[in-house]
Amino acid sequence: MDVILSPITLDRLKETISDVVKGELTRHFEKQVNQTQDGDLLTRKDAAKFLGISLPTLLEFTKAGKVIGYRIGTRVRYKRSELEKSLQQIQSTKSKRK
């Protein structure tokens, strides 16, 4: 076994290990959240792009109940399958107005 001496303090070593573990847990959690039984969860940005609308419009649609957002911690995610249904409803509403 090799012993490597380093000028790092014990507190700095603990902090470094803690940062690495937190980063890995966060990455793992995000990966798990994005894999659901009924399809991918999309970020706000991806959901807006999928629907062809702006982020403020997505917020309005979410508040109005036209699309359903799921809060996961401090983030909001949208189920792709539900966005597809919402998109069909939004398009049929637009065509009825004409």
C-alpha atoms as a PDB file:
ATOM      1  CA  MET A   1       0.000   0.000   0.000  1.00  0.00           C
ATOM      2  CA  ASP A   2       1.354   3.407  -0.982  1.00  0.00           C
ATOM      3  CA  VAL A   3       1.102   6.348   1.369  1.00  0.00           C
ATOM      4  CA  ILE A   4       0.798   9.757  -0.228  1.00  0.00           C
ATOM      5  CA  LEU A   5       1.391  12.812   1.898  1.00  0.00           C
ATOM      6  CA  SER A   6      -0.577  15.886   0.949  1.00  0.00           C
ATOM      7  CA  PRO A   7      -0.755  19.407   2.360  1.00  0.00           C
ATOM      8  CA  ILE A   8      -4.575  19.193   2.474  1.00  0.00           C
ATOM      9  CA  THR A   9      -6.175  19.709   5.861  1.00  0.00           C
ATOM     10  CA  LEU A  10      -8.573  17.209   7.349  1.00  0.00           C
ATOM     11  CA  ASP A  11     -11.444  19.723   7.139  1.00  0.00           C
ATOM     12  CA  ARG A  12     -10.716  20.377   3.458  1.00  0.00           C
ATOM     13  CA  LEU A  13     -10.581  16.623   2.790  1.00  0.00           C
ATOM     14  CA  LYS A  14     -13.980  16.164   4.473  1.00  0.00           C
ATOM     15  CA  GLU A  15     -15.409  19.046   2.445  1.00  0.00           C
ATOM     16  CA  THR A  16     -14.064  17.621  -0.813  1.00  0.00           C
ATOM     17  CA  ILE A  17     -15.474  14.166  -0.110  1.00  0.00           C
ATOM     18  CA  SER A  18     -18.820  15.685   0.876  1.00  0.00           C
ATOM     19  CA  ASP A  19     -18.965  17.718  -2.357  1.00  0.00           C
ATOM     20  CA  VAL A  20     -18.238  14.659  -4.493  1.00  0.00           C
ATOM     21  CA  VAL A  21     -20.847  12.538  -2.706  1.00  0.00           C
ATOM     22  CA  LYS A  22     -23.483  15.301  -2.993  1.00  0.00           C
ATOM     23  CA  GLY A  23     -22.750  15.689  -6.698  1.00  0.00           C
ATOM     24  CA  GLU A  24     -23.073  11.966  -7.349  1.00  0.00           C
ATOM     25  CA  LEU A  25     -26.302  11.689  -5.329  1.00  0.00           C
ATOM     26  CA  THR A  26     -27.799  14.663  -7.169  1.00  0.00           C
ATOM     27  CA  ARG A  27     -26.852  13.183 -10.536  1.00  0.00           C
ATOM     28  CA  HIS A  28     -28.305   9.811  -9.557  1.00  0.00           C
ATOM     29  CA  PHE A  29     -31.526  11.412  -8.242  1.00  0.00           C
ATOM     30  CA  GLU A  30     -32.025  13.438 -11.432  1.00  0.00           C
ATOM     31  CA  LYS A  31     -31.518  10.297 -13.515  1.00  0.00           C
ATOM     32  CA  GLN A  32     -34.120   8.404 -11.469  1.00  0.00           C
ATOM     33  CA  VAL A  33     -36.632  11.252 -11.639  1.00  0.00           C
ATOM     34  CA  ASN A  34     -36.360  11.400 -15.417  1.00  0.00           C
ATOM     35  CA  GLN A  35     -37.222   7.706 -15.807  1.00  0.00           C
ATOM     36  CA  THR A  36     -40.886   7.150 -15.007  1.00  0.00           C
ATOM     37  CA  GLN A  37     -43.298   4.401 -15.920  1.00  0.00           C
ATOM     38  CA  ASP A  38     -45.439   6.502 -18.235  1.00  0.00           C
ATOM     39  CA  GLY A  39     -42.700   8.360 -20.044  1.00  0.00           C
ATOM     40  CA  ASP A  40     -40.024  10.939 -19.616  1.00  0.00           C
ATOM     41  CA  LEU A  41     -40.308  13.922 -17.348  1.00  0.00           C
ATOM     42  CA  LEU A  42     -39.402  17.121 -19.133  1.00  0.00           C
ATOM     43  CA  THR A  43     -37.941  20.305 -17.722  1.00  0.00           C
ATOM     44  CA  ARG A  44     -39.911  23.552 -18.064  1.00  0.00           C
ATOM     45  CA  LYS A  45     -37.712  24.578 -20.971  1.00  0.00           C
ATOM     46  CA  ASP A  46     -38.146  21.247 -22.776  1.00  0.00           C
ATOM     47  CA  ALA A  47     -41.902  21.210 -22.119  1.00  0.00           C
ATOM     48  CA  ALA A  48     -42.298  24.723 -23.565  1.00  0.00           C
ATOM     49  CA  LYS A  49     -40.268  23.727 -26.615  1.00  0.00           C
ATOM     50  CA  PHE A  50     -42.327  20.537 -27.020  1.00  0.00           C
ATOM     51  CA  LEU A  51     -45.570  22.551 -26.937  1.00  0.00           C
ATOM     52  CA  GLY A  52     -44.151  25.340 -29.093  1.00  0.00           C
ATOM     53  CA  ILE A  53     -44.851  28.029 -26.498  1.00  0.00           C
ATOM     54  CA  SER A  54     -42.835  30.422 -24.342  1.00  0.00           C
ATOM     55  CA  LEU A  55     -41.943  29.799 -20.695  1.00  0.00           C
ATOM     56  CA  PRO A  56     -44.390  32.500 -19.479  1.00  0.00           C
ATOM     57  CA  THR A  57     -47.177  30.872 -21.520  1.00  0.00           C
ATOM     58  CA  LEU A  58     -46.294  27.479 -20.041  1.00  0.00           C
ATOM     59  CA  LEU A  59     -46.606  29.010 -16.572  1.00  0.00           C
ATOM     60  CA  GLU A  60     -50.020  30.450 -17.469  1.00  0.00           C
ATOM     61  CA  PHE A  61     -51.177  27.085 -18.871  1.00  0.00           C
ATOM     62  CA  THR A  62     -49.964  25.333 -15.724  1.00  0.00           C
ATOM     63  CA  LYS A  63     -51.777  27.776 -13.441  1.00  0.00           C
ATOM     64  CA  ALA A  64     -54.940  27.458 -15.557  1.00  0.00           C
ATOM     65  CA  GLY A  65     -54.777  23.663 -15.392  1.00  0.00           C
ATOM     66  CA  LYS A  66     -54.290  23.202 -19.146  1.00  0.00           C
ATOM     67  CA  VAL A  67     -51.074  21.295 -18.404  1.00  0.00           C
ATOM     68  CA  ILE A  68     -50.021  19.533 -15.223  1.00  0.00           C
ATOM     69  CA  GLY A  69     -46.656  20.230 -13.646  1.00  0.00           C
ATOM     70  CA  TYR A  70     -45.088  18.114 -10.930  1.00  0.00           C
ATOM     71  CA  ARG A  71     -42.947  19.804  -8.307  1.00  0.00           C
ATOM     72  CA  ILE A  72     -39.892  17.751  -7.418  1.00  0.00           C
ATOM     73  CA  GLY A  73     -37.955  19.610  -4.773  1.00  0.00           C
ATOM     74  CA  THR A  74     -37.547  23.117  -6.149  1.00  0.00           C
ATOM     75  CA  ARG A  75     -38.060  22.068  -9.770  1.00  0.00           C
ATOM     76  CA  VAL A  76     -41.122  21.500 -11.925  1.00  0.00           C
ATOM     77  CA  ARG A  77     -41.308  18.631 -14.389  1.00  0.00           C
ATOM     78  CA  TYR A  78     -43.917  17.683 -16.974  1.00  0.00           C
ATOM     79  CA  LYS A  79     -44.846  14.198 -18.170  1.00  0.00           C
ATOM     80  CA  ARG A  80     -44.406  13.865 -21.917  1.00  0.00           C
ATOM     81  CA  SER A  81     -47.529  11.691 -22.261  1.00  0.00           C
ATOM     82  CA  GLU A  82     -49.667  14.319 -20.497  1.00  0.00           C
ATOM     83  CA  LEU A  83     -48.174  17.100 -22.612  1.00  0.00           C
ATOM     84  CA  GLU A  84     -49.159  15.202 -25.756  1.00  0.00           C
ATOM     85  CA  LYS A  85     -52.761  15.035 -24.518  1.00  0.00           C
ATOM     86  CA  SER A  86     -52.710  18.697 -23.535  1.00  0.00           C
ATOM     87  CA  LEU A  87     -51.333  19.637 -26.934  1.00  0.00           C
ATOM     88  CA  GLN A  88     -54.211  17.841 -28.662  1.00  0.00           C
ATOM     89  CA  GLN A  89     -56.737  19.647 -26.447  1.00  0.00           C
ATOM     90  CA  ILE A  90     -55.096  23.035 -27.019  1.00  0.00           C
ATOM     91  CA  GLN A  91     -55.057  22.481 -30.795  1.00  0.00           C
ATOM     92  CA  SER A  92     -58.701  21.369 -30.869  1.00  0.00           C
ATOM     93  CA  THR A  93     -59.693  24.437 -28.832  1.00  0.00           C
ATOM     94  CA  LYS A  94     -57.871  26.688 -31.318  1.00  0.00           C
ATOM     95  CA  SER A  95     -59.578  25.050 -34.303  1.00  0.00           C
ATOM     96  CA  LYS A  96     -63.040  25.443 -32.695  1.00  0.00           C
ATOM     97  CA  ARG A  97     -62.489  29.195 -32.311  1.00  0.00           C
ATOM     98  CA  LYS A  98     -61.973  29.674 -36.058  1.00  0.00           C
END
